[in-house]
């Protein structure tokens, strides 16, 4: 994933978790990269799909769901994890 794509996804993820500070940028960036690794490891996406912007909307949605599921203390983490698994299966 290029730095430009990561930066754009980070900005979108901060909106998804309703965050208005840069204090957690490293943690959210790590979650984005963890999601990328999971999607690549499961052969749900190809590495080149995250090399340019805009990112495929289905991939972006899966990344945002992953971040929402694992960042902070979400209201319904199990539902979010199940949603992510469904989105990942769709990408496969």
PDB file of N, CA and C in Angstrom:
ATOM      1  N   UNK A   1       0.848  -1.164   0.000  1.00  0.00           N
ATOM      2  CA  UNK A   1       0.000   0.000   0.000  1.00  0.00           C
ATOM      3  C   UNK A   1       0.898   1.232   0.000  1.00  0.00           C
ATOM      4  N   UNK A   2       0.583   2.155  -0.881  1.00  0.00           N
ATOM      5  CA  UNK A   2       1.387   3.373  -0.947  1.00  0.00           C
ATOM      6  C   UNK A   2       1.065   4.292   0.237  1.00  0.00           C
ATOM      7  N   UNK A   3       1.969   5.204   0.508  1.00  0.00           N
ATOM      8  CA  UNK A   3       1.771   6.164   1.593  1.00  0.00           C
ATOM      9  C   UNK A   3       0.545   7.042   1.325  1.00  0.00           C
ATOM     10  N   UNK A   4       0.332   7.401   0.063  1.00  0.00           N
ATOM     11  CA  UNK A   4      -0.818   8.238  -0.293  1.00  0.00           C
ATOM     12  C   UNK A   4      -2.131   7.510  -0.038  1.00  0.00           C
ATOM     13  N   UNK A   5      -2.186   6.234  -0.390  1.00  0.00           N
ATOM     14  CA  UNK A   5      -3.397   5.446  -0.155  1.00  0.00           C
ATOM     15  C   UNK A   5      -3.631   5.279   1.347  1.00  0.00           C
ATOM     16  N   UNK A   6      -2.562   4.972   2.095  1.00  0.00           N
ATOM     17  CA  UNK A   6      -2.692   4.826   3.547  1.00  0.00           C
ATOM     18  C   UNK A   6      -3.183   6.126   4.173  1.00  0.00           C
ATOM     19  N   UNK A   7      -2.640   7.233   3.748  1.00  0.00           N
ATOM     20  CA  UNK A   7      -3.044   8.535   4.280  1.00  0.00           C
ATOM     21  C   UNK A   7      -4.522   8.807   4.010  1.00  0.00           C
ATOM     22  N   UNK A   8      -4.972   8.489   2.813  1.00  0.00           N
ATOM     23  CA  UNK A   8      -6.375   8.700   2.463  1.00  0.00           C
ATOM     24  C   UNK A   8      -7.283   7.779   3.270  1.00  0.00           C
ATOM     25  N   UNK A   9      -6.887   6.510   3.400  1.00  0.00           N
ATOM     26  CA  UNK A   9      -7.682   5.570   4.185  1.00  0.00           C
ATOM     27  C   UNK A   9      -7.696   5.957   5.662  1.00  0.00           C
ATOM     28  N   UNK A  10      -6.589   6.484   6.155  1.00  0.00           N
ATOM     29  CA  UNK A  10      -6.523   6.944   7.540  1.00  0.00           C
ATOM     30  C   UNK A  10      -7.527   8.069   7.764  1.00  0.00           C
ATOM     31  N   UNK A  11      -7.571   9.024   6.860  1.00  0.00           N
ATOM     32  CA  UNK A  11      -8.526  10.131   6.990  1.00  0.00           C
ATOM     33  C   UNK A  11      -9.963   9.604   6.991  1.00  0.00           C
ATOM     34  N   UNK A  12     -10.255   8.663   6.112  1.00  0.00           N
ATOM     35  CA  UNK A  12     -11.601   8.083   6.052  1.00  0.00           C
ATOM     36  C   UNK A  12     -11.921   7.269   7.309  1.00  0.00           C
ATOM     37  N   UNK A  13     -10.934   6.532   7.824  1.00  0.00           N
ATOM     38  CA  UNK A  13     -11.145   5.714   9.020  1.00  0.00           C
ATOM     39  C   UNK A  13     -11.407   6.591  10.241  1.00  0.00           C
ATOM     40  N   UNK A  14     -10.731   7.714  10.323  1.00  0.00           N
ATOM     41  CA  UNK A  14     -10.955   8.626  11.448  1.00  0.00           C
ATOM     42  C   UNK A  14     -12.390   9.158  11.431  1.00  0.00           C
ATOM     43  N   UNK A  15     -12.910   9.400  10.261  1.00  0.00           N
ATOM     44  CA  UNK A  15     -14.308   9.814  10.144  1.00  0.00           C
ATOM     45  C   UNK A  15     -15.224   8.663  10.556  1.00  0.00           C
ATOM     46  N   UNK A  16     -14.886   7.448  10.135  1.00  0.00           N
ATOM     47  CA  UNK A  16     -15.718   6.282  10.445  1.00  0.00           C
ATOM     48  C   UNK A  16     -15.827   6.020  11.938  1.00  0.00           C
ATOM     49  N   UNK A  17     -14.773   6.333  12.687  1.00  0.00           N
ATOM     50  CA  UNK A  17     -14.810   6.116  14.140  1.00  0.00           C
ATOM     51  C   UNK A  17     -15.080   7.429  14.888  1.00  0.00           C
ATOM     52  N   UNK A  18     -15.466   8.465  14.152  1.00  0.00           N
ATOM     53  CA  UNK A  18     -15.842   9.754  14.736  1.00  0.00           C
ATOM     54  C   UNK A  18     -14.716  10.350  15.575  1.00  0.00           C
ATOM     55  N   UNK A  19     -13.522  10.370  15.005  1.00  0.00           N
ATOM     56  CA  UNK A  19     -12.338  10.829  15.704  1.00  0.00           C
ATOM     57  C   UNK A  19     -11.869  12.149  15.105  1.00  0.00           C
ATOM     58  N   UNK A  20     -11.565  13.125  15.963  1.00  0.00           N
ATOM     59  CA  UNK A  20     -11.156  14.448  15.498  1.00  0.00           C
ATOM     60  C   UNK A  20      -9.772  14.837  16.015  1.00  0.00           C
ATOM     61  N   UNK A  21      -8.953  13.858  16.293  1.00  0.00           N
ATOM     62  CA  UNK A  21      -7.612  14.116  16.800  1.00  0.00           C
ATOM     63  C   UNK A  21      -6.619  13.237  16.042  1.00  0.00           C
ATOM     64  N   UNK A  22      -5.364  13.629  16.080  1.00  0.00           N
ATOM     65  CA  UNK A  22      -4.317  12.830  15.449  1.00  0.00           C
ATOM     66  C   UNK A  22      -3.640  11.893  16.450  1.00  0.00           C
ATOM     67  N   UNK A  23      -4.095  11.905  17.687  1.00  0.00           N
ATOM     68  CA  UNK A  23      -3.442  11.147  18.756  1.00  0.00           C
ATOM     69  C   UNK A  23      -3.419   9.644  18.495  1.00  0.00           C
ATOM     70  N   UNK A  24      -4.379   9.138  17.741  1.00  0.00           N
ATOM     71  CA  UNK A  24      -4.475   7.702  17.517  1.00  0.00           C
ATOM     72  C   UNK A  24      -4.127   7.288  16.085  1.00  0.00           C
ATOM     73  N   UNK A  25      -3.491   8.182  15.340  1.00  0.00           N
ATOM     74  CA  UNK A  25      -3.168   7.884  13.940  1.00  0.00           C
ATOM     75  C   UNK A  25      -2.344   6.621  13.782  1.00  0.00           C
ATOM     76  N   UNK A  26      -1.354   6.413  14.643  1.00  0.00           N
ATOM     77  CA  UNK A  26      -0.521   5.211  14.522  1.00  0.00           C
ATOM     78  C   UNK A  26      -1.338   3.948  14.746  1.00  0.00           C
ATOM     79  N   UNK A  27      -2.211   3.959  15.748  1.00  0.00           N
ATOM     80  CA  UNK A  27      -3.039   2.790  16.034  1.00  0.00           C
ATOM     81  C   UNK A  27      -3.991   2.489  14.877  1.00  0.00           C
ATOM     82  N   UNK A  28      -4.613   3.525  14.342  1.00  0.00           N
ATOM     83  CA  UNK A  28      -5.538   3.315  13.224  1.00  0.00           C
ATOM     84  C   UNK A  28      -4.784   2.873  11.976  1.00  0.00           C
ATOM     85  N   UNK A  29      -3.623   3.449  11.731  1.00  0.00           N
ATOM     86  CA  UNK A  29      -2.803   3.019  10.584  1.00  0.00           C
ATOM     87  C   UNK A  29      -2.412   1.551  10.722  1.00  0.00           C
ATOM     88  N   UNK A  30      -2.076   1.137  11.934  1.00  0.00           N
ATOM     89  CA  UNK A  30      -1.743  -0.274  12.177  1.00  0.00           C
ATOM     90  C   UNK A  30      -2.937  -1.179  11.882  1.00  0.00           C
ATOM     91  N   UNK A  31      -4.141  -0.733  12.259  1.00  0.00           N
ATOM     92  CA  UNK A  31      -5.338  -1.525  11.977  1.00  0.00           C
ATOM     93  C   UNK A  31      -5.595  -1.620  10.474  1.00  0.00           C
ATOM     94  N   UNK A  32      -5.381  -0.531   9.767  1.00  0.00           N
ATOM     95  CA  UNK A  32      -5.542  -0.547   8.304  1.00  0.00           C
ATOM     96  C   UNK A  32      -4.566  -1.542   7.687  1.00  0.00           C
ATOM     97  N   UNK A  33      -3.329  -1.514   8.139  1.00  0.00           N
ATOM     98  CA  UNK A  33      -2.317  -2.439   7.613  1.00  0.00           C
ATOM     99  C   UNK A  33      -2.618  -3.882   8.005  1.00  0.00           C
ATOM    100  N   UNK A  34      -3.153  -4.082   9.202  1.00  0.00           N
ATOM    101  CA  UNK A  34      -3.537  -5.436   9.631  1.00  0.00           C
ATOM    102  C   UNK A  34      -4.672  -5.964   8.763  1.00  0.00           C
ATOM    103  N   UNK A  35      -5.616  -5.102   8.442  1.00  0.00           N
ATOM    104  CA  UNK A  35      -6.711  -5.511   7.569  1.00  0.00           C
ATOM    105  C   UNK A  35      -6.188  -5.854   6.178  1.00  0.00           C
ATOM    106  N   UNK A  36      -5.300  -5.020   5.675  1.00  0.00           N
ATOM    107  CA  UNK A  36      -4.686  -5.300   4.368  1.00  0.00           C
ATOM    108  C   UNK A  36      -4.016  -6.666   4.385  1.00  0.00           C
ATOM    109  N   UNK A  37      -3.250  -6.943   5.434  1.00  0.00           N
ATOM    110  CA  UNK A  37      -2.559  -8.228   5.545  1.00  0.00           C
ATOM    111  C   UNK A  37      -3.553  -9.381   5.600  1.00  0.00           C
ATOM    112  N   UNK A  38      -4.633  -9.214   6.342  1.00  0.00           N
ATOM    113  CA  UNK A  38      -5.648 -10.265   6.430  1.00  0.00           C
ATOM    114  C   UNK A  38      -6.288 -10.517   5.073  1.00  0.00           C
ATOM    115  N   UNK A  39      -6.655  -9.446   4.375  1.00  0.00           N
ATOM    116  CA  UNK A  39      -7.272  -9.606   3.056  1.00  0.00           C
ATOM    117  C   UNK A  39      -6.311 -10.251   2.059  1.00  0.00           C
ATOM    118  N   UNK A  40      -5.043  -9.887   2.119  1.00  0.00           N
ATOM    119  CA  UNK A  40      -4.043 -10.494   1.234  1.00  0.00           C
ATOM    120  C   UNK A  40      -3.812 -11.957   1.598  1.00  0.00           C
ATOM    121  N   UNK A  41      -3.686 -12.233   2.891  1.00  0.00           N
ATOM    122  CA  UNK A  41      -3.421 -13.596   3.360  1.00  0.00           C
ATOM    123  C   UNK A  41      -4.560 -14.545   2.976  1.00  0.00           C
ATOM    124  N   UNK A  42      -5.770 -14.048   2.997  1.00  0.00           N
ATOM    125  CA  UNK A  42      -6.951 -14.867   2.662  1.00  0.00           C
ATOM    126  C   UNK A  42      -7.247 -14.870   1.166  1.00  0.00           C
ATOM    127  N   UNK A  43      -6.368 -14.232   0.380  1.00  0.00           N
ATOM    128  CA  UNK A  43      -6.550 -14.125  -1.073  1.00  0.00           C
ATOM    129  C   UNK A  43      -7.857 -13.439  -1.455  1.00  0.00           C
ATOM    130  N   UNK A  44      -8.309 -12.520  -0.608  1.00  0.00           N
ATOM    131  CA  UNK A  44      -9.517 -11.764  -0.911  1.00  0.00           C
ATOM    132  C   UNK A  44      -9.217 -10.616  -1.877  1.00  0.00           C
ATOM    133  N   UNK A  45      -7.964 -10.136  -1.852  1.00  0.00           N
ATOM    134  CA  UNK A  45      -7.546  -9.064  -2.749  1.00  0.00           C
ATOM    135  C   UNK A  45      -6.132  -9.357  -3.248  1.00  0.00           C
ATOM    136  N   UNK A  46      -5.746  -8.639  -4.280  1.00  0.00           N
ATOM    137  CA  UNK A  46      -4.379  -8.681  -4.791  1.00  0.00           C
ATOM    138  C   UNK A  46      -3.656  -7.432  -4.288  1.00  0.00           C
ATOM    139  N   UNK A  47      -2.373  -7.541  -4.058  1.00  0.00           N
ATOM    140  CA  UNK A  47      -1.594  -6.419  -3.519  1.00  0.00           C
ATOM    141  C   UNK A  47      -1.722  -5.170  -4.387  1.00  0.00           C
ATOM    142  N   UNK A  48      -1.812  -5.329  -5.681  1.00  0.00           N
ATOM    143  CA  UNK A  48      -1.881  -4.177  -6.580  1.00  0.00           C
ATOM    144  C   UNK A  48      -3.188  -3.401  -6.435  1.00  0.00           C
ATOM    145  N   UNK A  49      -4.208  -4.002  -5.822  1.00  0.00           N
ATOM    146  CA  UNK A  49      -5.486  -3.317  -5.671  1.00  0.00           C
ATOM    147  C   UNK A  49      -5.405  -2.163  -4.671  1.00  0.00           C
ATOM    148  N   UNK A  50      -4.360  -2.121  -3.865  1.00  0.00           N
ATOM    149  CA  UNK A  50      -4.200  -1.045  -2.905  1.00  0.00           C
ATOM    150  C   UNK A  50      -3.027  -0.137  -3.255  1.00  0.00           C
ATOM    151  N   UNK A  51      -2.618  -0.163  -4.510  1.00  0.00           N
ATOM    152  CA  UNK A  51      -1.487   0.658  -4.952  1.00  0.00           C
ATOM    153  C   UNK A  51      -1.893   2.037  -5.437  1.00  0.00           C
ATOM    154  N   UNK A  52      -3.167   2.242  -5.712  1.00  0.00           N
ATOM    155  CA  UNK A  52      -3.586   3.546  -6.222  1.00  0.00           C
ATOM    156  C   UNK A  52      -4.939   3.923  -5.637  1.00  0.00           C
ATOM    157  N   UNK A  53      -5.201   5.215  -5.706  1.00  0.00           N
ATOM    158  CA  UNK A  53      -6.457   5.738  -5.197  1.00  0.00           C
ATOM    159  C   UNK A  53      -7.294   6.182  -6.373  1.00  0.00           C
ATOM    160  N   UNK A  54      -8.579   6.008  -6.399  1.00  0.00           N
ATOM    161  CA  UNK A  54      -9.386   5.541  -5.288  1.00  0.00           C
ATOM    162  C   UNK A  54      -9.351   4.023  -5.141  1.00  0.00           C
ATOM    163  N   UNK A  55      -9.447   3.587  -3.912  1.00  0.00           N
ATOM    164  CA  UNK A  55      -9.503   2.158  -3.595  1.00  0.00           C
ATOM    165  C   UNK A  55     -10.899   1.665  -3.947  1.00  0.00           C
ATOM    166  N   UNK A  56     -10.976   0.433  -4.441  1.00  0.00           N
ATOM    167  CA  UNK A  56     -12.267  -0.194  -4.738  1.00  0.00           C
ATOM    168  C   UNK A  56     -13.205   0.009  -3.538  1.00  0.00           C
ATOM    169  N   UNK A  57     -14.417   0.465  -3.774  1.00  0.00           N
ATOM    170  CA  UNK A  57     -15.339   0.749  -2.669  1.00  0.00           C
ATOM    171  C   UNK A  57     -15.615  -0.454  -1.766  1.00  0.00           C
ATOM    172  N   UNK A  58     -15.628  -1.655  -2.309  1.00  0.00           N
ATOM    173  CA  UNK A  58     -15.853  -2.843  -1.479  1.00  0.00           C
ATOM    174  C   UNK A  58     -14.671  -3.104  -0.550  1.00  0.00           C
ATOM    175  N   UNK A  59     -13.470  -2.878  -1.049  1.00  0.00           N
ATOM    176  CA  UNK A  59     -12.273  -3.040  -0.224  1.00  0.00           C
ATOM    177  C   UNK A  59     -12.250  -1.965   0.854  1.00  0.00           C
ATOM    178  N   UNK A  60     -12.552  -0.745   0.457  1.00  0.00           N
ATOM    179  CA  UNK A  60     -12.565   0.358   1.412  1.00  0.00           C
ATOM    180  C   UNK A  60     -13.590   0.098   2.512  1.00  0.00           C
ATOM    181  N   UNK A  61     -14.765  -0.385   2.160  1.00  0.00           N
ATOM    182  CA  UNK A  61     -15.805  -0.672   3.149  1.00  0.00           C
ATOM    183  C   UNK A  61     -15.326  -1.742   4.116  1.00  0.00           C
ATOM    184  N   UNK A  62     -14.656  -2.776   3.621  1.00  0.00           N
ATOM    185  CA  UNK A  62     -14.145  -3.837   4.496  1.00  0.00           C
ATOM    186  C   UNK A  62     -13.100  -3.271   5.469  1.00  0.00           C
ATOM    187  N   UNK A  63     -12.231  -2.415   4.973  1.00  0.00           N
ATOM    188  CA  UNK A  63     -11.208  -1.803   5.837  1.00  0.00           C
ATOM    189  C   UNK A  63     -11.857  -0.931   6.906  1.00  0.00           C
ATOM    190  N   UNK A  64     -12.849  -0.136   6.525  1.00  0.00           N
ATOM    191  CA  UNK A  64     -13.522   0.728   7.505  1.00  0.00           C
ATOM    192  C   UNK A  64     -14.242  -0.112   8.565  1.00  0.00           C
ATOM    193  N   UNK A  65     -14.858  -1.203   8.162  1.00  0.00           N
ATOM    194  CA  UNK A  65     -15.541  -2.078   9.117  1.00  0.00           C
ATOM    195  C   UNK A  65     -14.543  -2.715  10.067  1.00  0.00           C
ATOM    196  N   UNK A  66     -13.400  -3.153   9.543  1.00  0.00           N
ATOM    197  CA  UNK A  66     -12.346  -3.742  10.368  1.00  0.00           C
ATOM    198  C   UNK A  66     -11.871  -2.740  11.418  1.00  0.00           C
ATOM    199  N   UNK A  67     -11.613  -1.512  10.984  1.00  0.00           N
ATOM    200  CA  UNK A  67     -11.163  -0.472  11.920  1.00  0.00           C
ATOM    201  C   UNK A  67     -12.227  -0.224  12.980  1.00  0.00           C
ATOM    202  N   UNK A  68     -13.482  -0.101  12.581  1.00  0.00           N
ATOM    203  CA  UNK A  68     -14.554   0.131  13.547  1.00  0.00           C
ATOM    204  C   UNK A  68     -14.673  -1.027  14.531  1.00  0.00           C
ATOM    205  N   UNK A  69     -14.417  -2.247  14.077  1.00  0.00           N
ATOM    206  CA  UNK A  69     -14.542  -3.417  14.949  1.00  0.00           C
ATOM    207  C   UNK A  69     -13.428  -3.498  15.987  1.00  0.00           C
ATOM    208  N   UNK A  70     -12.239  -3.023  15.626  1.00  0.00           N
ATOM    209  CA  UNK A  70     -11.083  -3.230  16.498  1.00  0.00           C
ATOM    210  C   UNK A  70     -10.537  -1.969  17.160  1.00  0.00           C
ATOM    211  N   UNK A  71     -11.079  -0.808  16.833  1.00  0.00           N
ATOM    212  CA  UNK A  71     -10.584   0.425  17.445  1.00  0.00           C
ATOM    213  C   UNK A  71     -11.454   0.798  18.637  1.00  0.00           C
ATOM    214  N   UNK A  72     -10.814   1.076  19.745  1.00  0.00           N
ATOM    215  CA  UNK A  72     -11.541   1.526  20.926  1.00  0.00           C
ATOM    216  C   UNK A  72     -12.469   0.459  21.475  1.00  0.00           C
ATOM    217  N   UNK A  73     -13.635   0.907  21.915  1.00  0.00           N
ATOM    218  CA  UNK A  73     -14.637   0.005  22.487  1.00  0.00           C
ATOM    219  C   UNK A  73     -15.944   0.194  21.718  1.00  0.00           C
ATOM    220  N   UNK A  74     -16.088  -0.509  20.588  1.00  0.00           N
ATOM    221  CA  UNK A  74     -17.305  -0.339  19.793  1.00  0.00           C
ATOM    222  C   UNK A  74     -18.524  -0.910  20.528  1.00  0.00           C
ATOM    223  N   UNK A  75     -19.702  -0.393  20.183  1.00  0.00           N
ATOM    224  CA  UNK A  75     -20.938  -0.852  20.814  1.00  0.00           C
ATOM    225  C   UNK A  75     -21.211  -2.317  20.559  1.00  0.00           C
ATOM    226  N   UNK A  76     -20.996  -2.790  19.341  1.00  0.00           N
ATOM    227  CA  UNK A  76     -21.331  -4.170  18.981  1.00  0.00           C
ATOM    228  C   UNK A  76     -20.185  -4.795  18.174  1.00  0.00           C
ATOM    229  N   UNK A  77     -19.066  -5.090  18.837  1.00  0.00           N
ATOM    230  CA  UNK A  77     -17.902  -5.595  18.096  1.00  0.00           C
ATOM    231  C   UNK A  77     -18.156  -6.925  17.384  1.00  0.00           C
ATOM    232  N   UNK A  78     -18.973  -7.786  17.964  1.00  0.00           N
ATOM    233  CA  UNK A  78     -19.234  -9.086  17.325  1.00  0.00           C
ATOM    234  C   UNK A  78     -19.977  -8.910  16.006  1.00  0.00           C
ATOM    235  N   UNK A  79     -20.931  -7.999  15.969  1.00  0.00           N
ATOM    236  CA  UNK A  79     -21.654  -7.732  14.723  1.00  0.00           C
ATOM    237  C   UNK A  79     -20.716  -7.152  13.676  1.00  0.00           C
ATOM    238  N   UNK A  80     -19.848  -6.225  14.105  1.00  0.00           N
ATOM    239  CA  UNK A  80     -18.896  -5.623  13.172  1.00  0.00           C
ATOM    240  C   UNK A  80     -17.924  -6.662  12.633  1.00  0.00           C
ATOM    241  N   UNK A  81     -17.453  -7.565  13.490  1.00  0.00           N
ATOM    242  CA  UNK A  81     -16.545  -8.629  13.039  1.00  0.00           C
ATOM    243  C   UNK A  81     -17.250  -9.545  12.056  1.00  0.00           C
ATOM    244  N   UNK A  82     -18.519  -9.865  12.322  1.00  0.00           N
ATOM    245  CA  UNK A  82     -19.285 -10.701  11.394  1.00  0.00           C
ATOM    246  C   UNK A  82     -19.491  -9.970  10.071  1.00  0.00           C
ATOM    247  N   UNK A  83     -19.770  -8.671  10.139  1.00  0.00           N
ATOM    248  CA  UNK A  83     -19.920  -7.875   8.914  1.00  0.00           C
ATOM    249  C   UNK A  83     -18.624  -7.891   8.103  1.00  0.00           C
ATOM    250  N   UNK A  84     -17.490  -7.734   8.793  1.00  0.00           N
ATOM    251  CA  UNK A  84     -16.202  -7.756   8.101  1.00  0.00           C
ATOM    252  C   UNK A  84     -15.979  -9.111   7.427  1.00  0.00           C
ATOM    253  N   UNK A  85     -16.280 -10.189   8.139  1.00  0.00           N
ATOM    254  CA  UNK A  85     -16.109 -11.525   7.560  1.00  0.00           C
ATOM    255  C   UNK A  85     -16.973 -11.713   6.316  1.00  0.00           C
ATOM    256  N   UNK A  86     -18.186 -11.187   6.333  1.00  0.00           N
ATOM    257  CA  UNK A  86     -19.055 -11.255   5.159  1.00  0.00           C
ATOM    258  C   UNK A  86     -18.483 -10.436   4.006  1.00  0.00           C
ATOM    259  N   UNK A  87     -17.988  -9.252   4.326  1.00  0.00           N
ATOM    260  CA  UNK A  87     -17.394  -8.406   3.287  1.00  0.00           C
ATOM    261  C   UNK A  87     -16.156  -9.072   2.697  1.00  0.00           C
ATOM    262  N   UNK A  88     -15.359  -9.704   3.548  1.00  0.00           N
ATOM    263  CA  UNK A  88     -14.163 -10.399   3.069  1.00  0.00           C
ATOM    264  C   UNK A  88     -14.562 -11.558   2.164  1.00  0.00           C
ATOM    265  N   UNK A  89     -15.593 -12.293   2.557  1.00  0.00           N
ATOM    266  CA  UNK A  89     -16.070 -13.412   1.732  1.00  0.00           C
ATOM    267  C   UNK A  89     -16.570 -12.920   0.375  1.00  0.00           C
ATOM    268  N   UNK A  90     -17.210 -11.773   0.359  1.00  0.00           N
ATOM    269  CA  UNK A  90     -17.671 -11.199  -0.904  1.00  0.00           C
ATOM    270  C   UNK A  90     -16.491 -10.875  -1.809  1.00  0.00           C
ATOM    271  N   UNK A  91     -15.411 -10.373  -1.219  1.00  0.00           N
ATOM    272  CA  UNK A  91     -14.215 -10.030  -2.007  1.00  0.00           C
ATOM    273  C   UNK A  91     -13.527 -11.282  -2.556  1.00  0.00           C
ATOM    274  N   UNK A  92     -13.683 -12.375  -1.873  1.00  0.00           N
ATOM    275  CA  UNK A  92     -13.054 -13.628  -2.332  1.00  0.00           C
ATOM    276  C   UNK A  92     -13.754 -14.084  -3.579  1.00  0.00           C
TER     277      UNK A  92
END
